[in-house]
Protein backbone atom coordinates (compact mmCIF):
# COMPACT_ATOMS: atom_id res chain seq x y z
CA MET A 1 -11.83 16.71 -4.73
CA LYS A 2 -8.89 14.88 -3.18
CA THR A 3 -7.65 11.34 -3.69
CA ARG A 4 -7.54 8.98 -0.71
CA ARG A 5 -6.81 5.27 -0.49
CA VAL A 6 -8.65 2.90 1.87
CA THR A 7 -7.70 -0.72 2.51
CA TYR A 8 -10.32 -3.35 3.38
CA ARG A 9 -9.83 -6.91 4.53
CA LEU A 10 -11.53 -9.48 2.27
CA TYR A 11 -13.17 -12.66 3.56
CA PRO A 12 -13.60 -15.01 0.58
CA ASN A 13 -14.95 -18.53 0.94
CA LYS A 14 -13.09 -21.61 -0.30
CA SER A 15 -14.17 -21.41 -3.95
CA GLN A 16 -13.67 -17.64 -4.08
CA CYS A 17 -10.21 -17.99 -2.54
CA ASP A 18 -9.22 -20.54 -5.22
CA LYS A 19 -10.46 -18.17 -7.92
CA LEU A 20 -8.42 -15.28 -6.48
CA HIS A 21 -5.28 -17.43 -6.31
CA TRP A 22 -5.81 -18.43 -9.95
CA ALA A 23 -6.17 -14.80 -11.05
CA ARG A 24 -3.03 -13.82 -9.13
CA LYS A 25 -1.12 -16.65 -10.80
CA MET A 26 -2.29 -15.59 -14.28
CA HIS A 27 -1.30 -11.94 -13.72
CA GLY A 28 2.08 -13.02 -12.39
CA GLU A 29 2.72 -15.11 -15.49
CA LEU A 30 1.70 -12.18 -17.71
CA TYR A 31 4.11 -9.92 -15.80
CA ASN A 32 6.99 -12.36 -16.36
CA ALA A 33 6.03 -12.85 -20.03
CA ALA A 34 6.11 -9.09 -20.62
CA ILE A 35 9.60 -8.84 -19.09
CA ALA A 36 10.80 -11.82 -21.15
CA ASN A 37 9.40 -10.23 -24.32
CA ARG A 38 11.31 -6.99 -23.66
CA ARG A 39 14.54 -8.82 -22.90
CA THR A 40 14.35 -11.09 -25.95
CA GLN A 41 13.47 -8.30 -28.39
CA TYR A 42 16.31 -6.09 -27.22
CA LYS A 43 18.90 -8.89 -26.99
CA HIS A 44 18.33 -10.50 -30.40
CA LEU A 45 16.80 -7.69 -32.47
CA GLY A 46 18.00 -4.54 -30.70
CA HIS A 47 14.40 -3.36 -30.50
CA SER A 48 13.11 -1.58 -27.37
CA VAL A 49 9.54 -2.64 -26.65
CA ASP A 50 7.30 -0.05 -25.02
CA TYR A 51 3.97 -0.29 -23.23
CA PHE A 52 1.79 0.57 -26.25
CA GLU A 53 3.33 -2.17 -28.36
CA GLN A 54 2.62 -4.79 -25.71
CA GLN A 55 -0.86 -3.41 -25.15
CA ASN A 56 -1.72 -3.68 -28.85
CA CYS A 57 -0.62 -7.33 -28.80
CA LEU A 58 -3.13 -8.27 -26.09
CA PRO A 59 -6.02 -9.21 -28.48
CA GLU A 60 -3.84 -11.71 -30.37
CA PHE A 61 -2.31 -12.89 -27.09
CA LYS A 62 -5.77 -13.69 -25.68
CA LYS A 63 -6.66 -15.69 -28.80
CA VAL A 64 -3.70 -18.00 -28.17
CA TRP A 65 -4.01 -18.07 -24.37
CA ILE A 66 -7.78 -18.25 -24.03
CA GLU A 67 -7.58 -18.41 -20.22
CA TYR A 68 -6.85 -14.68 -20.13
CA ALA A 69 -10.16 -13.81 -21.79
CA GLU A 70 -11.89 -14.23 -18.44
CA LEU A 71 -9.74 -11.63 -16.69
CA GLY A 72 -10.68 -8.60 -18.76
CA SER A 73 -8.60 -6.27 -20.89
CA HIS A 74 -8.25 -3.38 -18.44
CA THR A 75 -6.72 -5.49 -15.67
CA LEU A 76 -4.23 -7.01 -18.14
CA GLN A 77 -3.31 -3.53 -19.35
CA ALA A 78 -2.72 -2.47 -15.74
CA THR A 79 -0.31 -5.40 -15.29
CA LEU A 80 1.60 -4.38 -18.42
CA LYS A 81 1.67 -0.83 -17.05
CA ARG A 82 3.42 -2.17 -13.94
CA VAL A 83 6.14 -3.63 -16.15
CA ASP A 84 6.53 -0.34 -18.00
CA PHE A 85 6.69 1.56 -14.70
CA ALA A 86 9.47 -0.75 -13.45
CA TYR A 87 11.49 -0.13 -16.63
CA GLN A 88 10.94 3.63 -16.42
CA ARG A 89 12.29 3.63 -12.88
CA PHE A 90 15.33 1.68 -14.07
CA PHE A 91 16.02 4.10 -16.94
CA LYS A 92 15.79 7.07 -14.52
CA GLY A 93 18.22 5.44 -12.11
CA LEU A 94 15.60 5.04 -9.37
CA GLY A 95 15.58 1.25 -9.25
CA LYS A 96 17.32 -1.92 -10.34
CA TYR A 97 16.71 -3.81 -13.57
CA PRO A 98 13.26 -5.51 -13.46
CA LYS A 99 13.39 -9.18 -12.52
CA PHE A 100 11.05 -12.11 -12.92
CA LYS A 101 8.73 -12.61 -9.96
CA ALA A 102 8.09 -16.01 -8.44
CA LYS A 103 4.56 -17.23 -7.98
CA GLY A 104 4.66 -16.64 -4.24
CA ARG A 105 6.11 -13.14 -4.52
CA TYR A 106 3.62 -11.57 -6.91
CA ALA A 107 1.28 -9.47 -4.77
CA GLY A 108 -1.84 -8.90 -6.87
CA TRP A 109 -3.48 -6.98 -9.68
CA THR A 110 -5.37 -3.73 -10.31
CA TYR A 111 -8.74 -2.72 -11.75
CA PRO A 112 -8.03 0.75 -13.21
CA ASP A 113 -11.71 1.67 -13.79
CA LYS A 114 -15.24 0.64 -12.76
CA ALA A 115 -15.86 -1.63 -15.77
CA SER A 116 -15.02 -4.92 -14.03
CA TRP A 117 -15.72 -4.27 -10.35
CA LYS A 118 -18.21 -2.62 -8.03
CA VAL A 119 -18.17 -1.85 -4.32
CA SER A 120 -21.32 -1.82 -2.19
CA SER A 121 -20.50 0.17 0.91
CA ASN A 122 -21.05 3.48 2.68
CA GLY A 123 -17.55 3.46 4.16
CA LYS A 124 -18.03 0.80 6.84
CA ASN A 125 -17.78 -2.86 5.76
CA GLY A 126 -19.68 -3.94 2.65
CA HIS A 127 -19.24 -6.23 -0.36
CA LEU A 128 -16.86 -6.17 -3.30
CA GLU A 129 -18.13 -7.47 -6.64
CA LEU A 130 -15.49 -8.60 -9.17
CA ARG A 131 -17.55 -8.95 -12.31
CA GLY A 132 -14.71 -10.29 -14.44
CA LEU A 133 -14.24 -13.22 -12.05
CA GLY A 134 -17.90 -13.56 -11.10
CA LEU A 135 -17.21 -13.06 -7.37
CA ASN A 136 -19.08 -11.18 -4.65
CA ILE A 137 -16.80 -11.04 -1.59
CA GLN A 138 -17.54 -9.76 1.88
CA MET A 139 -15.13 -7.07 3.10
CA ARG A 140 -14.56 -5.46 6.47
CA GLY A 141 -13.00 -2.11 7.27
CA ARG A 142 -13.84 1.51 7.78
CA ALA A 143 -13.16 4.60 5.71
CA ARG A 144 -12.93 7.91 7.52
CA THR A 145 -14.47 9.76 4.55
CA TRP A 146 -16.36 7.98 1.79
CA GLY A 147 -16.61 9.21 -1.78
CA SER A 148 -16.58 8.07 -5.38
CA ALA A 149 -14.53 4.87 -5.88
CA THR A 150 -12.24 4.95 -8.93
CA THR A 151 -9.70 2.10 -8.83
CA CYS A 152 -9.30 -1.14 -6.88
CA THR A 153 -6.19 -3.23 -6.22
CA ILE A 154 -6.44 -6.81 -4.95
CA CYS A 155 -3.40 -8.05 -3.05
CA LEU A 156 -2.35 -11.02 -0.88
CA ARG A 157 -0.30 -10.40 2.27
CA ASN A 158 0.66 -13.15 4.70
CA GLY A 159 -2.15 -15.38 3.50
CA LYS A 160 -4.81 -12.66 3.82
CA TRP A 161 -6.63 -10.93 0.98
CA TYR A 162 -7.02 -7.16 0.90
CA ALA A 163 -8.72 -4.65 -1.39
CA SER A 164 -7.11 -1.22 -1.69
CA ILE A 165 -9.72 1.21 -3.05
CA THR A 166 -8.97 4.71 -4.32
CA LEU A 167 -11.60 7.33 -3.52
CA GLN A 168 -12.36 10.82 -4.78
CA CYS A 169 -13.68 12.63 -1.70
CA GLU A 170 -13.65 15.82 0.36
CA PRO A 171 -12.02 14.90 3.69
CA VAL A 172 -12.67 17.26 6.60
CA ARG A 173 -10.99 17.31 10.01
CA LYS A 174 -11.52 19.34 13.16
CA THR A 175 -8.73 21.47 14.56
CA SER A 176 -8.15 24.23 17.08
CA THR A 177 -6.49 27.65 16.94
CA GLY A 178 -3.36 26.61 18.83
CA SER A 179 0.20 26.34 17.56
CA ILE A 180 2.86 23.84 18.53
CA GLY A 181 6.41 22.85 17.71
CA ILE A 182 7.68 19.28 17.70
CA ASP A 183 11.07 17.63 17.90
CA LEU A 184 11.69 14.00 16.93
CA GLY A 185 14.04 11.72 18.83
CA CYS A 186 14.88 8.09 19.53
CA LYS A 187 14.42 8.00 23.31
CA ASP A 188 11.26 10.09 23.30
CA ALA A 189 9.62 9.71 19.91
CA ILE A 190 7.95 13.14 19.84
CA THR A 191 8.65 16.09 22.11
CA LEU A 192 6.19 18.99 22.05
CA SER A 193 6.96 22.63 22.73
CA THR A 194 4.55 22.49 25.68
CA GLY A 195 6.93 20.12 27.49
CA GLU A 196 4.89 16.98 26.82
CA LYS A 197 6.86 13.96 25.65
CA ILE A 198 5.46 11.01 23.71
CA ALA A 199 7.60 7.95 24.32
CA LYS A 200 8.25 5.21 21.80
CA PRO A 201 5.59 2.52 22.36
CA ASP A 202 6.59 -0.68 24.16
CA PHE A 203 5.11 -2.99 21.53
CA ILE A 204 7.91 -2.08 19.09
CA LYS A 205 10.63 -3.42 21.41
CA GLU A 206 8.55 -6.46 22.30
CA GLY A 207 7.80 -7.12 18.63
CA HIS A 208 11.49 -6.94 17.69
CA ARG A 209 12.29 -9.42 20.46
CA LYS A 210 9.76 -11.91 19.10
CA VAL A 211 10.95 -11.42 15.51
CA LYS A 212 14.55 -11.96 16.59
CA ALA A 213 13.67 -15.21 18.39
CA ALA A 214 11.62 -16.48 15.43
CA SER A 215 14.41 -15.57 12.99
CA LYS A 216 16.87 -17.53 15.11
CA ARG A 217 14.61 -20.59 14.91
CA LEU A 218 14.29 -20.05 11.17
CA ARG A 219 18.07 -20.15 10.65
CA ARG A 220 18.16 -23.61 12.20
CA LYS A 221 15.85 -25.02 9.54
CA ARG A 222 16.91 -26.18 6.08
CA ALA A 223 16.62 -23.15 3.82
CA PRO A 224 16.16 -23.44 0.02
CA ASN A 225 19.21 -23.03 -2.21
CA ARG A 226 18.62 -22.82 -5.96
CA LYS A 227 22.29 -23.15 -6.91
CA LYS A 228 22.72 -26.37 -4.92
CA LYS A 229 19.23 -27.54 -5.93
CA ILE A 230 18.06 -27.84 -2.34
CA LYS A 231 14.42 -27.39 -1.46
CA GLY A 232 13.35 -25.72 1.74
CA SER A 233 12.00 -28.06 4.39
CA SER A 234 8.38 -27.92 5.52
CA ARG A 235 9.50 -26.67 8.94
CA TRP A 236 11.42 -23.82 7.27
CA LYS A 237 8.29 -22.82 5.35
CA LYS A 238 6.15 -22.81 8.51
CA GLU A 239 8.70 -20.81 10.46
CA ARG A 240 9.08 -18.37 7.58
CA LYS A 241 5.35 -17.70 7.72
CA ARG A 242 5.58 -17.07 11.47
CA VAL A 243 8.38 -14.53 10.98
CA SER A 244 6.45 -12.78 8.23
CA LYS A 245 3.32 -12.66 10.39
CA LEU A 246 5.20 -11.16 13.34
CA GLN A 247 6.86 -8.54 11.13
CA SER A 248 3.52 -7.60 9.63
CA LYS A 249 1.95 -7.25 13.09
CA VAL A 250 4.69 -4.87 14.26
CA GLY A 251 4.30 -2.81 11.08
CA CYS A 252 0.51 -2.53 11.50
CA GLN A 253 0.86 -1.56 15.17
CA ARG A 254 3.41 1.14 14.30
CA LYS A 255 1.20 2.53 11.54
CA ASP A 256 -1.83 2.63 13.86
CA TRP A 257 0.20 4.42 16.57
CA LEU A 258 1.52 6.99 14.11
CA HIS A 259 -1.97 7.77 12.76
CA ARG A 260 -3.46 8.14 16.24
CA THR A 261 -0.62 10.34 17.49
CA THR A 262 -0.57 12.68 14.48
CA SER A 263 -4.37 12.96 14.51
CA ASP A 264 -4.28 14.08 18.15
CA ILE A 265 -1.65 16.72 17.35
CA VAL A 266 -3.63 18.08 14.38
CA SER A 267 -6.93 18.13 16.29
CA GLY A 268 -5.52 20.56 18.85
CA ASN A 269 -3.31 22.79 16.71
CA SER A 270 -3.76 24.61 13.42
CA LEU A 271 -0.06 25.50 13.12
CA ILE A 272 2.50 22.69 13.45
CA ALA A 273 6.23 23.28 13.15
CA ASN A 274 8.80 20.54 12.63
CA GLU A 275 12.39 20.48 11.40
CA GLN A 276 13.69 19.22 8.06
CA LEU A 277 15.40 15.85 8.44
CA ASN A 278 17.43 13.93 5.88
CA VAL A 279 16.25 10.49 6.98
CA LYS A 280 18.02 8.72 4.14
CA GLY A 281 21.35 10.23 5.17
CA MET A 282 20.70 9.68 8.87
CA THR A 283 20.04 5.96 8.36
CA ARG A 284 22.99 5.34 6.06
CA ARG A 285 25.25 2.42 6.89
CA ALA A 286 28.45 2.99 8.81
CA LYS A 287 31.72 3.00 6.89
CA LYS A 288 34.37 0.32 7.24
CA GLY A 289 36.25 0.43 10.50
CA LYS A 290 33.47 2.33 12.27
CA ARG A 291 31.13 1.01 14.93
CA LYS A 292 28.70 -0.78 12.66
CA LYS A 293 26.56 -2.41 15.35
CA GLN A 294 25.99 0.88 17.16
CA LYS A 295 25.08 2.62 13.90
CA ALA A 296 22.76 -0.22 12.92
CA GLY A 297 20.98 0.10 16.27
CA LEU A 298 20.64 3.86 15.83
CA ASN A 299 19.24 3.38 12.31
CA ARG A 300 16.68 0.91 13.63
CA SER A 301 15.57 3.32 16.36
CA ILE A 302 15.11 6.12 13.82
CA LEU A 303 13.07 3.91 11.51
CA ASP A 304 11.00 2.51 14.40
CA VAL A 305 9.83 5.98 15.38
CA GLY A 306 9.02 6.80 11.75
CA PHE A 307 10.95 10.02 11.18
CA GLY A 308 10.14 9.96 7.49
CA ILE A 309 6.39 9.31 7.67
CA ILE A 310 5.45 11.56 10.61
CA GLY A 311 5.97 14.70 8.54
CA GLN A 312 3.92 13.32 5.66
CA LEU A 313 1.01 12.40 7.96
CA LEU A 314 1.03 15.78 9.67
CA ASP A 315 1.21 17.56 6.32
CA TYR A 316 -1.86 16.05 4.69
CA LYS A 317 -3.90 15.92 7.91
CA ALA A 318 -3.21 19.59 8.65
CA ALA A 319 -4.26 20.44 5.08
CA GLU A 320 -7.53 18.55 5.55
CA ALA A 321 -8.20 20.50 8.74
CA GLY A 322 -7.41 23.84 7.11
CA GLY A 323 -4.22 24.28 9.14
CA PHE A 324 -0.57 24.66 8.25
CA TYR A 325 2.41 22.35 8.60
CA VAL A 326 5.88 23.86 8.12
CA GLU A 327 9.42 22.54 8.46
CA SER A 328 12.25 24.74 9.65
CA PRO A 329 15.64 24.70 7.82
CA THR A 330 17.70 22.59 10.23
CA GLN A 331 21.15 23.47 8.91
CA LYS A 332 20.56 27.24 9.05
CA LEU A 333 18.33 27.48 12.11
CA LYS A 334 20.06 24.78 14.24
CA PRO A 335 17.12 24.29 16.62
CA THR A 336 18.98 21.85 18.91
CA GLN A 337 21.69 24.46 19.60
CA ARG A 338 19.73 27.71 19.49
CA CYS A 339 18.17 29.23 22.59
CA ALA A 340 14.40 29.71 22.48
CA LYS A 341 14.61 32.84 24.68
CA CYS A 342 17.49 34.95 23.31
CA TRP A 343 18.19 33.10 20.03
CA GLU A 344 21.85 32.55 21.00
CA VAL A 345 23.64 29.49 19.57
CA THR A 346 25.15 27.18 22.21
CA PRO A 347 27.07 24.21 20.76
CA LYS A 348 26.16 20.83 22.27
CA THR A 349 27.07 17.19 21.88
CA LEU A 350 24.66 14.27 21.86
CA ALA A 351 25.53 13.63 25.51
CA ASP A 352 24.23 17.08 26.54
CA ARG A 353 20.53 16.52 27.27
CA VAL A 354 19.90 19.88 28.96
CA HIS A 355 20.09 23.25 27.22
CA ILE A 356 22.03 25.86 29.22
CA CYS A 357 22.24 29.13 27.32
CA SER A 358 25.77 30.50 26.90
CA ASN A 359 24.47 34.07 27.03
CA ARG A 360 25.14 35.37 30.55
CA GLU A 361 22.23 37.77 30.38
CA CYS A 362 19.81 34.96 29.46
CA ASN A 363 20.97 31.82 31.37
CA HIS A 364 17.94 29.94 30.06
CA VAL A 365 17.83 26.32 31.25
CA GLU A 366 15.50 23.87 29.54
CA ASP A 367 15.34 20.29 28.35
CA ARG A 368 17.22 19.96 25.07
CA ASP A 369 14.34 18.49 23.08
CA VAL A 370 11.73 20.86 24.52
CA ASN A 371 13.94 23.85 23.68
CA ALA A 372 14.35 22.61 20.08
CA ALA A 373 10.58 22.22 19.73
CA GLN A 374 10.07 25.75 21.05
CA VAL A 375 12.60 27.12 18.55
CA ASN A 376 10.68 25.46 15.71
CA GLU A 377 7.41 26.96 16.95
CA ILE A 378 8.89 30.48 17.29
CA TRP A 379 10.33 30.28 13.79
CA ALA A 380 6.95 29.19 12.40
CA ARG A 381 5.10 31.94 14.27
CA GLY A 382 7.50 34.43 12.71
CA LEU A 383 6.43 33.21 9.28
CA GLU A 384 2.79 33.51 10.36
CA ARG A 385 3.23 37.15 11.42
CA ALA A 386 5.09 37.99 8.22
CA SER A 387 2.32 36.49 6.09
CA GLN A 388 -0.33 38.42 8.04
CA ASP A 389 1.55 41.71 7.59
CA ALA A 390 1.84 41.05 3.86
CA GLU A 391 -1.85 40.21 3.53
CA LEU A 392 -3.21 43.31 5.30
CA PRO A 393 -2.80 45.83 2.40
CA SER A 394 -4.09 43.32 -0.18
CA ALA A 395 -7.36 42.95 1.75
CA THR A 396 -8.63 46.18 0.15
CA LYS A 397 -11.09 46.28 -2.72
CA CYS A 398 -8.28 46.87 -5.23
CA GLY A 399 -7.01 43.37 -4.61
CA SER A 400 -4.31 42.66 -7.20
CA MET A 401 -0.58 42.48 -6.47
CA ARG A 402 0.15 44.75 -9.43
CA GLN A 403 -1.97 47.53 -7.95
CA LEU A 404 -0.36 46.94 -4.55
CA GLY A 405 3.10 47.39 -6.06
CA ALA A 406 2.02 50.57 -7.83
CA ARG A 407 0.74 51.99 -4.56
CA LYS A 408 4.04 51.25 -2.79
CA ARG A 409 6.04 52.94 -5.57
CA GLN A 410 3.71 55.96 -5.43
CA LYS A 411 4.25 56.29 -1.66
CA GLN A 412 8.03 56.12 -2.13
CA ARG A 413 7.88 58.91 -4.71
CA LEU A 414 5.77 61.09 -2.43
CA THR A 415 8.16 60.64 0.48
CA SER A 416 11.14 61.47 -1.74
CA LEU A 417 9.41 64.63 -3.01
CA LYS A 418 8.58 65.71 0.56
CA SER A 419 12.20 65.26 1.58
CA LEU A 420 13.26 67.60 -1.24
């Protein structure tokens, strides 16, 4: 069984929406109270509060704040677990010190088990029953593979309610026996070893243009300033919602395009070869004195294509289909400089868009990105052949690697004795 997460859009009525907003407010206040408790205990008493201590205080806490009795113990424990997770990330150096969250910035809450919620669906649309709040909400969406629901997270994004449900299921995909290599770029998002190029979709550029225009209008409005005790104007709040809505639309369009593109690649190929990319290093800010605007534009192009998420999508989708996804070592293999025909290394700059092999006996001419994709595929096919050669002797009835090693040593001894 594998774990998959499916997100559904919720359509609550007016009374249900008010109830959801109230629950979100209560969980946000509990989150801030847990952080304040940890800060106060450590500052004045030198005592580090952990999750279990705060969890054991919940019964007494609910006696004083009787409003929380309606929410249920498991959801409150999940909120305290979020606080503990934030502190654990800080102690490991993975995040900043946890801060208080404003009412409008707290996303939602989680039901960690089936005690307080129930979903009535077969994967397409359905109803979500929140027993702790006494709500039965209509939801719309579609799950590719349905299974046993385990947890549910309710969240609010841009004024819309969503339910993110975790499923235990057995996802299955169809694939073919082909193999392909891919190369990622900014001009052409994905280049395949067959010569096909998948360009970056136009909606990304158009979406950035609209976000830039809306952000310019937003800067003209009176923004809030807590230090100067200035409240944001009503026009600023409306324009801020427009900017957030446009940004969310571009993000959803990009995610949909990435899922469709990777699904098409997996459906036609059981072996997919890509190159290892350090996306965090590639999108690092330029140093002082360098061309910051050019580097910022390059970083945006890399993130628009989704260099970091394409590999993750191909990996889990290929595994569902029973295929293989491998990444070639970029620094050792150098696919952008290596020839796919003779394996000769020909240094290039970013301005060189055509590969011309430096080997006089080869003289292979190919598009730079197509050649790199072909190098990745050839490298992956080499691994495939090596694995097949290694698996042939072990396909006997003897089976174990220990017996296989003993057989090899016995053959070596026999050959040495014959030579004597």
